[in-house]
Amino acid sequence: MRFVLLFFLVSVYSNAQVVTDSIKDSRYFEDQFYIGLSYNFILNNPEGSNQRNLSYGLQAGLIKDIPLNRAGTKAIGIGTGLALNSYYSNLVADISDEVISYSINDDITRSKLETHLIEFPLEFRWRNSTEEEYKFWRIYGGIKAAYVLGARSKYDLDDISEGFKNTDLTKFQYGLTLSFGYNTFNVNAYYSLTDLFDGNASVNGEVLQYRPLRIGLIFYIL
């Protein structure tokens, strides 16, 4: 699947470049830095598991704008960025002799899974902007691929605090994205099409099939 996505990205970029070359005399670009803050929902919870505390996400990066028409109202955006996502729940990860095990504990003070990713968004962009107008409505939809650079599990119970590097996550992740709004402030959503865990993690005999859904705000800065 990752090779199909890579081929798709290259094809889109090549085709978009041909289009932009043909309108080079009138095009303008909306190259943008972005910063986002989200609440991270966990879907497909195993029986007895639920979220706790504030599961949050942070993202930042740069998107290259490739206009598709002379008016500049349609474009392709290709970018790269970094993200940090935290998930709090009553699912406890523990490690012994380099083997990670999972349990559900309602008495836990805090249990967190934190991931660090490099992301590659690909967007189809519609906006009613012009070369002179920088405040405009936008709808950006697309896909986002990501590679997990590292992950860490940690829990606090009474006076015990344990943390370790978690290697049970799916390294290559991707999902659908949607952003819409006016000017700098925009609503942003991401729905993962891959499980958070790689299929080797289970609790009480049930394979963990967490699917992240992130909803929040994203700020575009020219």
N, C-alpha and C. Protein backbone atom coordinates (compact mmCIF):
# COMPACT_ATOMS: atom_id res chain seq x y z
N MET A 1 0.82 -1.20 0.00
CA MET A 1 0.00 0.00 0.00
C MET A 1 0.85 1.26 0.00
N ARG A 2 1.97 1.23 0.73
CA ARG A 2 2.81 2.41 0.79
C ARG A 2 3.42 2.74 -0.56
N PHE A 3 3.70 1.71 -1.37
CA PHE A 3 4.26 1.96 -2.70
C PHE A 3 3.21 2.56 -3.63
N VAL A 4 1.94 2.15 -3.45
CA VAL A 4 0.86 2.74 -4.24
C VAL A 4 0.71 4.21 -3.91
N LEU A 5 0.77 4.55 -2.61
CA LEU A 5 0.67 5.94 -2.21
C LEU A 5 1.83 6.77 -2.76
N LEU A 6 3.05 6.20 -2.72
CA LEU A 6 4.21 6.90 -3.23
C LEU A 6 4.06 7.17 -4.71
N PHE A 7 3.60 6.16 -5.47
CA PHE A 7 3.39 6.34 -6.91
C PHE A 7 2.33 7.40 -7.16
N PHE A 8 1.27 7.41 -6.33
CA PHE A 8 0.21 8.39 -6.48
C PHE A 8 0.73 9.80 -6.24
N LEU A 9 1.54 9.98 -5.19
CA LEU A 9 2.10 11.29 -4.89
C LEU A 9 2.96 11.80 -6.04
N VAL A 10 3.82 10.93 -6.57
CA VAL A 10 4.70 11.33 -7.67
C VAL A 10 3.89 11.68 -8.91
N SER A 11 2.85 10.89 -9.20
CA SER A 11 2.02 11.13 -10.38
C SER A 11 1.28 12.46 -10.27
N VAL A 12 0.71 12.72 -9.08
CA VAL A 12 -0.02 13.97 -8.88
C VAL A 12 0.91 15.16 -9.04
N TYR A 13 2.10 15.06 -8.45
CA TYR A 13 3.05 16.16 -8.54
C TYR A 13 3.46 16.41 -9.98
N SER A 14 3.73 15.34 -10.75
CA SER A 14 4.15 15.48 -12.14
C SER A 14 3.07 16.11 -12.99
N ASN A 15 1.83 15.61 -12.84
CA ASN A 15 0.72 16.15 -13.62
C ASN A 15 0.43 17.61 -13.25
N ALA A 16 0.50 17.90 -11.95
CA ALA A 16 0.25 19.27 -11.51
C ALA A 16 1.31 20.22 -12.03
N GLN A 17 2.55 19.74 -12.13
CA GLN A 17 3.62 20.59 -12.62
C GLN A 17 3.40 20.95 -14.09
N VAL A 18 2.89 20.00 -14.87
CA VAL A 18 2.59 20.27 -16.28
C VAL A 18 1.52 21.35 -16.39
N VAL A 19 0.48 21.24 -15.53
CA VAL A 19 -0.58 22.23 -15.56
C VAL A 19 -0.07 23.60 -15.19
N THR A 20 0.74 23.67 -14.12
CA THR A 20 1.21 24.97 -13.67
C THR A 20 2.17 25.60 -14.66
N ASP A 21 2.93 24.80 -15.38
CA ASP A 21 3.81 25.35 -16.40
C ASP A 21 3.01 26.05 -17.50
N SER A 22 1.81 25.51 -17.79
CA SER A 22 1.00 26.08 -18.85
C SER A 22 0.32 27.38 -18.44
N ILE A 23 0.23 27.66 -17.12
CA ILE A 23 -0.40 28.89 -16.66
C ILE A 23 0.60 29.76 -15.89
N LYS A 24 1.85 29.60 -16.22
CA LYS A 24 2.92 30.24 -15.47
C LYS A 24 2.80 31.75 -15.49
N ASP A 25 2.25 32.32 -16.56
CA ASP A 25 2.21 33.76 -16.67
C ASP A 25 1.21 34.41 -15.73
N SER A 26 0.25 33.65 -15.21
CA SER A 26 -0.79 34.26 -14.38
C SER A 26 -0.95 33.60 -13.01
N ARG A 27 -0.18 32.62 -12.70
CA ARG A 27 -0.39 31.88 -11.45
C ARG A 27 0.14 32.65 -10.25
N TYR A 28 -0.37 32.32 -9.10
CA TYR A 28 0.19 32.78 -7.84
C TYR A 28 0.10 31.63 -6.86
N PHE A 29 0.92 31.67 -5.83
CA PHE A 29 1.04 30.55 -4.92
C PHE A 29 0.55 30.91 -3.53
N GLU A 30 -0.03 29.92 -2.86
CA GLU A 30 -0.43 30.07 -1.46
C GLU A 30 0.44 29.14 -0.61
N ASP A 31 1.76 29.19 -0.80
CA ASP A 31 2.65 28.40 0.05
C ASP A 31 2.42 28.81 1.50
N GLN A 32 2.26 27.83 2.36
CA GLN A 32 1.84 28.15 3.72
C GLN A 32 2.53 27.30 4.78
N PHE A 33 2.90 27.95 5.88
CA PHE A 33 3.23 27.23 7.10
C PHE A 33 1.92 26.93 7.82
N TYR A 34 1.88 25.81 8.52
CA TYR A 34 0.67 25.48 9.27
C TYR A 34 1.03 25.03 10.68
N ILE A 35 0.14 25.34 11.62
CA ILE A 35 0.27 24.92 13.01
C ILE A 35 -1.10 24.43 13.44
N GLY A 36 -1.17 23.25 14.04
CA GLY A 36 -2.46 22.70 14.42
C GLY A 36 -2.49 22.16 15.84
N LEU A 37 -3.67 22.22 16.43
CA LEU A 37 -3.91 21.68 17.77
C LEU A 37 -5.20 20.88 17.70
N SER A 38 -5.18 19.66 18.23
CA SER A 38 -6.37 18.80 18.11
C SER A 38 -6.65 18.04 19.39
N TYR A 39 -7.89 17.56 19.49
CA TYR A 39 -8.26 16.57 20.49
C TYR A 39 -8.27 15.22 19.80
N ASN A 40 -7.61 14.23 20.40
CA ASN A 40 -7.47 12.92 19.79
C ASN A 40 -8.47 11.93 20.37
N PHE A 41 -9.43 11.53 19.54
CA PHE A 41 -10.37 10.49 19.94
C PHE A 41 -9.76 9.12 19.60
N ILE A 42 -10.10 8.13 20.40
CA ILE A 42 -9.69 6.74 20.14
C ILE A 42 -10.93 5.95 19.76
N LEU A 43 -10.97 5.45 18.54
CA LEU A 43 -12.08 4.62 18.08
C LEU A 43 -11.68 3.14 18.18
N ASN A 44 -12.67 2.27 18.20
CA ASN A 44 -12.46 0.81 18.29
C ASN A 44 -11.80 0.42 19.61
N ASN A 45 -12.28 0.98 20.69
CA ASN A 45 -11.75 0.60 22.01
C ASN A 45 -12.10 -0.85 22.33
N PRO A 46 -11.17 -1.60 22.92
CA PRO A 46 -11.51 -2.95 23.38
C PRO A 46 -12.50 -2.88 24.53
N GLU A 47 -13.16 -3.99 24.82
CA GLU A 47 -14.17 -4.02 25.87
C GLU A 47 -13.56 -3.62 27.21
N GLY A 48 -14.19 -2.65 27.86
CA GLY A 48 -13.73 -2.19 29.16
C GLY A 48 -12.76 -1.03 29.11
N SER A 49 -12.30 -0.66 27.93
CA SER A 49 -11.33 0.42 27.80
C SER A 49 -12.04 1.73 27.45
N ASN A 50 -11.53 2.83 27.98
CA ASN A 50 -12.09 4.14 27.67
C ASN A 50 -11.02 5.21 27.82
N GLN A 51 -11.29 6.35 27.20
CA GLN A 51 -10.34 7.46 27.27
C GLN A 51 -10.45 8.20 28.59
N ARG A 52 -9.31 8.82 28.96
CA ARG A 52 -9.27 9.63 30.16
C ARG A 52 -8.37 10.82 29.92
N ASN A 53 -8.52 11.83 30.79
CA ASN A 53 -7.70 13.03 30.70
C ASN A 53 -7.86 13.68 29.33
N LEU A 54 -6.91 14.50 28.95
CA LEU A 54 -6.98 15.25 27.70
C LEU A 54 -5.99 14.65 26.70
N SER A 55 -6.52 13.93 25.73
CA SER A 55 -5.69 13.38 24.67
C SER A 55 -5.52 14.45 23.59
N TYR A 56 -4.30 14.92 23.38
CA TYR A 56 -4.10 16.07 22.50
C TYR A 56 -3.11 15.76 21.39
N GLY A 57 -3.14 16.61 20.37
CA GLY A 57 -2.19 16.49 19.27
C GLY A 57 -1.67 17.84 18.85
N LEU A 58 -0.41 17.89 18.43
CA LEU A 58 0.23 19.11 17.92
C LEU A 58 0.86 18.79 16.58
N GLN A 59 0.73 19.70 15.62
CA GLN A 59 1.33 19.49 14.31
C GLN A 59 1.81 20.82 13.75
N ALA A 60 2.87 20.76 12.94
CA ALA A 60 3.41 21.97 12.32
C ALA A 60 4.21 21.55 11.09
N GLY A 61 4.19 22.39 10.06
CA GLY A 61 4.94 22.07 8.85
C GLY A 61 4.75 23.11 7.78
N LEU A 62 5.12 22.75 6.56
CA LEU A 62 5.05 23.64 5.40
C LEU A 62 4.40 22.89 4.25
N ILE A 63 3.48 23.56 3.54
CA ILE A 63 2.81 22.99 2.38
C ILE A 63 3.14 23.82 1.14
N LYS A 64 3.62 23.16 0.10
CA LYS A 64 3.90 23.79 -1.19
C LYS A 64 2.64 23.81 -2.03
N ASP A 65 2.30 24.98 -2.54
CA ASP A 65 1.06 25.17 -3.31
C ASP A 65 1.34 25.06 -4.81
N ILE A 66 0.52 24.25 -5.51
CA ILE A 66 0.66 24.09 -6.95
C ILE A 66 -0.68 24.42 -7.59
N PRO A 67 -0.87 25.62 -8.14
CA PRO A 67 -2.17 26.01 -8.71
C PRO A 67 -2.53 25.17 -9.93
N LEU A 68 -3.83 24.93 -10.08
CA LEU A 68 -4.33 24.10 -11.18
C LEU A 68 -5.12 24.90 -12.21
N ASN A 69 -5.47 26.14 -11.90
CA ASN A 69 -6.19 26.96 -12.88
C ASN A 69 -5.66 28.40 -12.83
N ARG A 70 -6.04 29.18 -13.83
CA ARG A 70 -5.53 30.54 -13.95
C ARG A 70 -6.01 31.44 -12.81
N ALA A 71 -7.22 31.17 -12.34
CA ALA A 71 -7.76 32.00 -11.26
C ALA A 71 -7.10 31.72 -9.92
N GLY A 72 -6.44 30.57 -9.80
CA GLY A 72 -5.77 30.22 -8.55
C GLY A 72 -6.72 29.71 -7.48
N THR A 73 -7.97 29.44 -7.84
CA THR A 73 -8.94 28.98 -6.84
C THR A 73 -8.86 27.49 -6.58
N LYS A 74 -8.17 26.75 -7.45
CA LYS A 74 -7.98 25.32 -7.27
C LYS A 74 -6.49 25.01 -7.30
N ALA A 75 -6.07 24.13 -6.41
CA ALA A 75 -4.64 23.83 -6.33
C ALA A 75 -4.42 22.47 -5.68
N ILE A 76 -3.22 21.98 -5.82
CA ILE A 76 -2.73 20.82 -5.09
C ILE A 76 -1.72 21.31 -4.06
N GLY A 77 -1.81 20.81 -2.85
CA GLY A 77 -0.84 21.14 -1.81
C GLY A 77 -0.07 19.90 -1.39
N ILE A 78 1.25 19.98 -1.43
CA ILE A 78 2.12 18.87 -1.02
C ILE A 78 3.06 19.40 0.06
N GLY A 79 3.14 18.72 1.18
CA GLY A 79 3.93 19.26 2.26
C GLY A 79 4.61 18.22 3.12
N THR A 80 5.26 18.70 4.15
CA THR A 80 5.89 17.84 5.14
C THR A 80 5.88 18.57 6.48
N GLY A 81 5.80 17.79 7.55
CA GLY A 81 5.75 18.40 8.86
C GLY A 81 6.02 17.38 9.96
N LEU A 82 5.94 17.85 11.19
CA LEU A 82 6.15 17.01 12.36
C LEU A 82 4.89 17.05 13.23
N ALA A 83 4.67 15.97 13.96
CA ALA A 83 3.48 15.90 14.81
C ALA A 83 3.78 15.14 16.09
N LEU A 84 3.09 15.54 17.14
CA LEU A 84 3.14 14.84 18.43
C LEU A 84 1.71 14.55 18.84
N ASN A 85 1.42 13.28 19.17
CA ASN A 85 0.08 12.90 19.58
C ASN A 85 0.12 12.10 20.87
N SER A 86 -0.77 12.45 21.79
CA SER A 86 -0.86 11.74 23.06
C SER A 86 -2.26 11.15 23.21
N TYR A 87 -2.30 9.92 23.75
CA TYR A 87 -3.57 9.23 23.96
C TYR A 87 -3.60 8.75 25.42
N TYR A 88 -4.59 9.23 26.17
CA TYR A 88 -4.75 8.84 27.57
C TYR A 88 -5.95 7.92 27.70
N SER A 89 -5.78 6.84 28.44
CA SER A 89 -6.88 5.89 28.63
C SER A 89 -6.60 5.05 29.87
N ASN A 90 -7.47 4.08 30.12
CA ASN A 90 -7.23 3.13 31.21
C ASN A 90 -6.54 1.86 30.73
N LEU A 91 -6.03 1.90 29.48
CA LEU A 91 -5.21 0.80 28.96
C LEU A 91 -3.78 1.00 29.42
N VAL A 92 -3.25 0.03 30.12
CA VAL A 92 -1.91 0.13 30.71
C VAL A 92 -0.94 -0.77 29.95
N ALA A 93 0.16 -0.19 29.48
CA ALA A 93 1.22 -0.96 28.83
C ALA A 93 2.37 -1.15 29.82
N ASP A 94 2.87 -2.37 29.91
CA ASP A 94 3.99 -2.68 30.80
C ASP A 94 4.99 -3.54 30.03
N ILE A 95 6.23 -3.55 30.46
CA ILE A 95 7.26 -4.30 29.76
C ILE A 95 8.06 -5.13 30.75
N SER A 96 8.36 -6.37 30.36
CA SER A 96 9.16 -7.27 31.17
C SER A 96 9.96 -8.17 30.23
N ASP A 97 11.28 -8.17 30.42
CA ASP A 97 12.16 -8.96 29.55
C ASP A 97 11.94 -8.63 28.08
N GLU A 98 11.74 -7.32 27.79
CA GLU A 98 11.56 -6.79 26.44
C GLU A 98 10.26 -7.26 25.78
N VAL A 99 9.34 -7.80 26.56
CA VAL A 99 8.02 -8.19 26.05
C VAL A 99 6.98 -7.22 26.63
N ILE A 100 6.19 -6.61 25.73
CA ILE A 100 5.19 -5.63 26.14
C ILE A 100 3.85 -6.33 26.34
N SER A 101 3.23 -6.07 27.47
CA SER A 101 1.90 -6.63 27.75
C SER A 101 0.95 -5.49 28.06
N TYR A 102 -0.36 -5.77 27.92
CA TYR A 102 -1.37 -4.74 28.10
C TYR A 102 -2.46 -5.25 29.03
N SER A 103 -3.00 -4.34 29.82
CA SER A 103 -4.09 -4.66 30.72
C SER A 103 -4.99 -3.43 30.86
N ILE A 104 -6.20 -3.65 31.37
CA ILE A 104 -7.12 -2.55 31.61
C ILE A 104 -7.25 -2.38 33.11
N ASN A 105 -6.99 -1.16 33.58
CA ASN A 105 -6.97 -0.90 35.02
C ASN A 105 -7.72 0.40 35.29
N ASP A 106 -8.89 0.31 35.90
CA ASP A 106 -9.68 1.50 36.21
C ASP A 106 -9.14 2.29 37.39
N ASP A 107 -8.20 1.70 38.13
CA ASP A 107 -7.62 2.39 39.28
C ASP A 107 -6.35 3.15 38.93
N ILE A 108 -5.99 3.12 37.65
CA ILE A 108 -4.75 3.78 37.24
C ILE A 108 -4.89 5.31 37.40
N THR A 109 -3.82 5.94 37.87
CA THR A 109 -3.83 7.39 37.99
C THR A 109 -3.75 8.05 36.62
N ARG A 110 -2.83 7.57 35.80
CA ARG A 110 -2.68 8.09 34.44
C ARG A 110 -1.95 7.08 33.59
N SER A 111 -2.44 6.87 32.36
CA SER A 111 -1.78 5.99 31.41
C SER A 111 -1.77 6.68 30.06
N LYS A 112 -0.58 6.81 29.48
CA LYS A 112 -0.43 7.60 28.25
C LYS A 112 0.40 6.86 27.21
N LEU A 113 -0.02 7.02 25.96
CA LEU A 113 0.78 6.60 24.81
C LEU A 113 1.08 7.86 24.01
N GLU A 114 2.35 8.12 23.78
CA GLU A 114 2.77 9.33 23.06
C GLU A 114 3.54 8.94 21.80
N THR A 115 3.17 9.54 20.66
CA THR A 115 3.83 9.23 19.40
C THR A 115 4.44 10.48 18.79
N HIS A 116 5.56 10.30 18.10
CA HIS A 116 6.22 11.37 17.36
C HIS A 116 6.31 10.93 15.90
N LEU A 117 5.83 11.80 14.99
CA LEU A 117 5.73 11.41 13.59
C LEU A 117 6.28 12.48 12.66
N ILE A 118 6.72 12.03 11.49
CA ILE A 118 6.96 12.93 10.37
C ILE A 118 5.82 12.70 9.38
N GLU A 119 5.18 13.78 8.94
CA GLU A 119 3.96 13.67 8.16
C GLU A 119 4.14 14.23 6.75
N PHE A 120 3.34 13.71 5.82
CA PHE A 120 3.39 14.13 4.42
C PHE A 120 1.96 14.35 3.92
N PRO A 121 1.42 15.57 4.08
CA PRO A 121 0.06 15.84 3.63
C PRO A 121 -0.01 16.07 2.12
N LEU A 122 -1.09 15.60 1.52
CA LEU A 122 -1.40 15.86 0.12
C LEU A 122 -2.84 16.34 0.07
N GLU A 123 -3.07 17.57 -0.43
CA GLU A 123 -4.39 18.18 -0.37
C GLU A 123 -4.86 18.63 -1.76
N PHE A 124 -6.15 18.47 -2.00
CA PHE A 124 -6.79 19.20 -3.10
C PHE A 124 -7.41 20.43 -2.46
N ARG A 125 -7.08 21.63 -3.00
CA ARG A 125 -7.44 22.87 -2.35
C ARG A 125 -8.41 23.69 -3.19
N TRP A 126 -9.47 24.13 -2.55
CA TRP A 126 -10.35 25.13 -3.16
C TRP A 126 -10.40 26.34 -2.24
N ARG A 127 -10.31 27.53 -2.82
CA ARG A 127 -10.40 28.78 -2.05
C ARG A 127 -10.89 29.88 -2.97
N ASN A 128 -11.45 30.96 -2.44
CA ASN A 128 -11.88 32.08 -3.27
C ASN A 128 -10.94 33.27 -3.13
N SER A 129 -9.65 32.96 -3.08
CA SER A 129 -8.63 34.00 -2.93
C SER A 129 -8.26 34.61 -4.28
N THR A 130 -7.54 35.73 -4.23
CA THR A 130 -6.93 36.36 -5.41
C THR A 130 -5.51 36.74 -5.03
N GLU A 131 -4.78 37.30 -6.00
CA GLU A 131 -3.41 37.73 -5.72
C GLU A 131 -3.37 38.84 -4.67
N GLU A 132 -4.44 39.65 -4.62
CA GLU A 132 -4.46 40.79 -3.69
C GLU A 132 -5.21 40.49 -2.39
N GLU A 133 -6.04 39.46 -2.38
CA GLU A 133 -6.89 39.17 -1.22
C GLU A 133 -6.34 37.99 -0.42
N TYR A 134 -5.95 38.25 0.84
CA TYR A 134 -5.35 37.21 1.67
C TYR A 134 -6.30 36.69 2.73
N LYS A 135 -7.50 37.27 2.82
CA LYS A 135 -8.53 36.75 3.70
C LYS A 135 -9.59 36.09 2.83
N PHE A 136 -9.75 34.77 2.95
CA PHE A 136 -10.64 34.07 2.05
C PHE A 136 -11.15 32.78 2.69
N TRP A 137 -12.24 32.26 2.11
CA TRP A 137 -12.77 30.97 2.51
C TRP A 137 -11.97 29.86 1.83
N ARG A 138 -11.85 28.73 2.54
CA ARG A 138 -11.11 27.61 1.98
C ARG A 138 -11.74 26.28 2.39
N ILE A 139 -11.60 25.29 1.51
CA ILE A 139 -11.90 23.90 1.82
C ILE A 139 -10.76 23.07 1.26
N TYR A 140 -10.01 22.41 2.13
CA TYR A 140 -8.88 21.58 1.73
C TYR A 140 -9.18 20.14 2.17
N GLY A 141 -9.19 19.21 1.23
CA GLY A 141 -9.39 17.81 1.55
C GLY A 141 -8.29 16.97 0.93
N GLY A 142 -7.96 15.85 1.56
CA GLY A 142 -6.91 15.01 0.99
C GLY A 142 -6.55 13.84 1.86
N ILE A 143 -5.30 13.44 1.75
CA ILE A 143 -4.77 12.33 2.54
C ILE A 143 -3.48 12.77 3.21
N LYS A 144 -3.16 12.09 4.28
CA LYS A 144 -1.90 12.38 4.97
C LYS A 144 -1.22 11.06 5.33
N ALA A 145 0.01 10.91 4.88
CA ALA A 145 0.82 9.76 5.26
C ALA A 145 1.77 10.18 6.38
N ALA A 146 2.14 9.23 7.21
CA ALA A 146 3.02 9.55 8.33
C ALA A 146 3.89 8.35 8.67
N TYR A 147 5.08 8.67 9.16
CA TYR A 147 6.00 7.62 9.65
C TYR A 147 6.28 7.89 11.11
N VAL A 148 6.11 6.87 11.93
CA VAL A 148 6.31 7.00 13.37
C VAL A 148 7.81 6.98 13.68
N LEU A 149 8.32 8.11 14.13
CA LEU A 149 9.74 8.21 14.50
C LEU A 149 10.01 7.56 15.85
N GLY A 150 9.03 7.59 16.71
CA GLY A 150 9.21 6.99 18.03
C GLY A 150 7.91 7.04 18.81
N ALA A 151 7.76 6.17 19.79
CA ALA A 151 6.57 6.14 20.63
C ALA A 151 6.97 5.74 22.04
N ARG A 152 6.22 6.25 23.01
CA ARG A 152 6.54 5.96 24.41
C ARG A 152 5.25 5.73 25.19
N SER A 153 5.25 4.68 26.00
CA SER A 153 4.14 4.41 26.91
C SER A 153 4.57 4.74 28.33
N LYS A 154 3.63 5.28 29.11
CA LYS A 154 3.93 5.64 30.49
C LYS A 154 2.67 5.51 31.33
N TYR A 155 2.83 5.05 32.58
CA TYR A 155 1.68 5.01 33.48
C TYR A 155 2.12 5.41 34.88
N ASP A 156 1.16 5.97 35.62
CA ASP A 156 1.35 6.35 37.02
C ASP A 156 0.29 5.64 37.85
N LEU A 157 0.73 4.93 38.88
CA LEU A 157 -0.17 4.22 39.78
C LEU A 157 0.36 4.36 41.20
N ASP A 158 -0.41 5.06 42.05
CA ASP A 158 0.03 5.34 43.41
C ASP A 158 1.40 6.03 43.37
N ASP A 159 2.43 5.42 43.93
CA ASP A 159 3.76 6.02 43.93
C ASP A 159 4.66 5.45 42.84
N ILE A 160 4.08 4.66 41.95
CA ILE A 160 4.86 4.01 40.89
C ILE A 160 4.68 4.78 39.58
N SER A 161 5.79 5.04 38.91
CA SER A 161 5.75 5.69 37.61
C SER A 161 6.70 4.95 36.68
N GLU A 162 6.17 4.41 35.59
CA GLU A 162 6.97 3.62 34.66
C GLU A 162 6.79 4.16 33.23
N GLY A 163 7.88 4.18 32.46
CA GLY A 163 7.82 4.60 31.06
C GLY A 163 8.85 3.85 30.23
N PHE A 164 8.52 3.60 28.98
CA PHE A 164 9.45 2.87 28.11
C PHE A 164 9.08 3.12 26.65
N LYS A 165 10.01 2.81 25.76
CA LYS A 165 9.78 2.94 24.33
C LYS A 165 8.86 1.82 23.84
N ASN A 166 7.78 2.21 23.20
CA ASN A 166 6.81 1.22 22.72
C ASN A 166 7.05 0.94 21.24
N THR A 167 7.30 -0.32 20.89
CA THR A 167 7.61 -0.71 19.51
C THR A 167 6.45 -1.46 18.85
N ASP A 168 5.29 -1.46 19.48
CA ASP A 168 4.15 -2.22 18.95
C ASP A 168 3.30 -1.41 17.96
N LEU A 169 3.72 -0.20 17.62
CA LEU A 169 2.90 0.64 16.77
C LEU A 169 3.13 0.38 15.28
N THR A 170 2.11 0.67 14.48
CA THR A 170 2.24 0.63 13.03
C THR A 170 3.15 1.77 12.60
N LYS A 171 4.26 1.45 11.96
CA LYS A 171 5.25 2.47 11.61
C LYS A 171 4.75 3.42 10.53
N PHE A 172 4.11 2.87 9.48
CA PHE A 172 3.62 3.68 8.38
C PHE A 172 2.11 3.82 8.50
N GLN A 173 1.64 5.05 8.68
CA GLN A 173 0.22 5.31 8.89
C GLN A 173 -0.29 6.31 7.85
N TYR A 174 -1.59 6.24 7.57
CA TYR A 174 -2.18 7.20 6.64
C TYR A 174 -3.66 7.33 6.93
N GLY A 175 -4.22 8.48 6.50
CA GLY A 175 -5.64 8.72 6.74
C GLY A 175 -6.15 9.88 5.92
N LEU A 176 -7.44 10.17 6.08
CA LEU A 176 -8.12 11.23 5.35
C LEU A 176 -8.11 12.52 6.15
N THR A 177 -7.98 13.65 5.46
CA THR A 177 -7.95 14.95 6.13
C THR A 177 -8.97 15.90 5.51
N LEU A 178 -9.44 16.83 6.31
CA LEU A 178 -10.34 17.87 5.84
C LEU A 178 -10.13 19.12 6.68
N SER A 179 -9.92 20.25 6.00
CA SER A 179 -9.81 21.54 6.68
C SER A 179 -10.75 22.52 5.99
N PHE A 180 -11.44 23.32 6.78
CA PHE A 180 -12.28 24.36 6.19
C PHE A 180 -12.39 25.53 7.17
N GLY A 181 -12.53 26.72 6.59
CA GLY A 181 -12.64 27.90 7.43
C GLY A 181 -12.37 29.16 6.67
N TYR A 182 -12.13 30.23 7.41
CA TYR A 182 -11.92 31.55 6.83
C TYR A 182 -10.66 32.17 7.39
N ASN A 183 -9.84 32.68 6.51
CA ASN A 183 -8.60 33.37 6.88
C ASN A 183 -7.67 32.44 7.66
N THR A 184 -7.20 32.85 8.81
CA THR A 184 -6.19 32.09 9.55
C THR A 184 -6.79 30.91 10.30
N PHE A 185 -8.03 31.06 10.82
CA PHE A 185 -8.61 30.06 11.71
C PHE A 185 -9.45 29.06 10.92
N ASN A 186 -9.13 27.77 11.09
CA ASN A 186 -9.82 26.73 10.33
C ASN A 186 -10.00 25.49 11.18
N VAL A 187 -11.13 24.81 10.96
CA VAL A 187 -11.38 23.51 11.60
C VAL A 187 -10.66 22.44 10.80
N ASN A 188 -10.04 21.51 11.50
CA ASN A 188 -9.27 20.45 10.85
C ASN A 188 -9.65 19.09 11.43
N ALA A 189 -9.78 18.10 10.55
CA ALA A 189 -10.10 16.74 11.00
C ALA A 189 -9.22 15.73 10.28
N TYR A 190 -8.86 14.67 10.99
CA TYR A 190 -8.08 13.58 10.43
C TYR A 190 -8.67 12.27 10.91
N TYR A 191 -8.95 11.36 9.97
CA TYR A 191 -9.44 10.03 10.32
C TYR A 191 -8.45 9.00 9.79
N SER A 192 -7.89 8.20 10.67
CA SER A 192 -6.89 7.22 10.28
C SER A 192 -7.51 6.03 9.56
N LEU A 193 -6.87 5.60 8.49
CA LEU A 193 -7.28 4.40 7.76
C LEU A 193 -6.44 3.20 8.16
N THR A 194 -5.51 3.41 9.09
CA THR A 194 -4.67 2.31 9.60
C THR A 194 -4.82 2.24 11.11
N ASP A 195 -4.64 1.05 11.66
CA ASP A 195 -4.68 0.89 13.11
C ASP A 195 -3.45 1.51 13.74
N LEU A 196 -3.63 2.01 14.95
CA LEU A 196 -2.51 2.61 15.68
C LEU A 196 -1.47 1.55 16.03
N PHE A 197 -1.94 0.36 16.42
CA PHE A 197 -1.03 -0.74 16.76
C PHE A 197 -0.85 -1.65 15.55
N ASP A 198 0.24 -2.41 15.54
CA ASP A 198 0.65 -3.17 14.36
C ASP A 198 0.00 -4.55 14.25
N GLY A 199 -0.92 -4.89 15.15
CA GLY A 199 -1.59 -6.19 15.09
C GLY A 199 -1.01 -7.22 16.04
N ASN A 200 0.12 -6.92 16.66
CA ASN A 200 0.75 -7.85 17.60
C ASN A 200 0.35 -7.57 19.05
N ALA A 201 -0.29 -6.42 19.28
CA ALA A 201 -0.68 -6.04 20.64
C ALA A 201 -2.11 -6.49 20.92
N SER A 202 -2.34 -7.02 22.11
CA SER A 202 -3.68 -7.47 22.48
C SER A 202 -3.88 -7.29 23.98
N VAL A 203 -5.16 -7.23 24.38
CA VAL A 203 -5.50 -7.15 25.79
C VAL A 203 -6.67 -8.08 26.04
N ASN A 204 -6.54 -8.93 27.05
CA ASN A 204 -7.57 -9.91 27.39
C ASN A 204 -7.97 -10.75 26.18
N GLY A 205 -7.00 -11.10 25.34
CA GLY A 205 -7.24 -11.93 24.18
C GLY A 205 -7.81 -11.20 22.98
N GLU A 206 -8.01 -9.89 23.09
CA GLU A 206 -8.58 -9.09 21.99
C GLU A 206 -7.49 -8.23 21.36
N VAL A 207 -7.31 -8.35 20.04
CA VAL A 207 -6.30 -7.57 19.33
C VAL A 207 -6.66 -6.09 19.39
N LEU A 208 -5.68 -5.25 19.71
CA LEU A 208 -5.92 -3.81 19.78
C LEU A 208 -6.03 -3.23 18.37
N GLN A 209 -7.18 -2.61 18.10
CA GLN A 209 -7.45 -2.04 16.79
C GLN A 209 -7.81 -0.56 16.90
N TYR A 210 -7.07 0.14 17.73
CA TYR A 210 -7.30 1.58 17.90
C TYR A 210 -7.22 2.30 16.55
N ARG A 211 -8.19 3.19 16.30
CA ARG A 211 -8.16 4.06 15.13
C ARG A 211 -8.27 5.51 15.63
N PRO A 212 -7.26 6.34 15.40
CA PRO A 212 -7.33 7.73 15.84
C PRO A 212 -8.27 8.56 14.98
N LEU A 213 -9.01 9.45 15.63
CA LEU A 213 -9.79 10.49 14.99
C LEU A 213 -9.40 11.80 15.67
N ARG A 214 -8.81 12.71 14.91
CA ARG A 214 -8.32 13.95 15.49
C ARG A 214 -9.13 15.13 14.94
N ILE A 215 -9.68 15.94 15.83
CA ILE A 215 -10.47 17.10 15.44
C ILE A 215 -9.95 18.31 16.22
N GLY A 216 -9.71 19.40 15.51
CA GLY A 216 -9.19 20.57 16.19
C GLY A 216 -9.13 21.78 15.26
N LEU A 217 -8.18 22.65 15.53
CA LEU A 217 -7.98 23.87 14.77
C LEU A 217 -6.63 23.82 14.08
N ILE A 218 -6.58 24.40 12.88
CA ILE A 218 -5.32 24.52 12.16
C ILE A 218 -5.19 25.96 11.68
N PHE A 219 -4.01 26.51 11.80
CA PHE A 219 -3.74 27.90 11.45
C PHE A 219 -2.77 27.93 10.28
N TYR A 220 -3.19 28.59 9.19
CA TYR A 220 -2.34 28.71 8.01
C TYR A 220 -1.70 30.09 8.00
N ILE A 221 -0.39 30.11 7.78
CA ILE A 221 0.36 31.36 7.79
C ILE A 221 1.11 31.48 6.47
N LEU A 222 0.83 32.54 5.72
CA LEU A 222 1.49 32.73 4.42
C LEU A 222 2.95 33.09 4.60
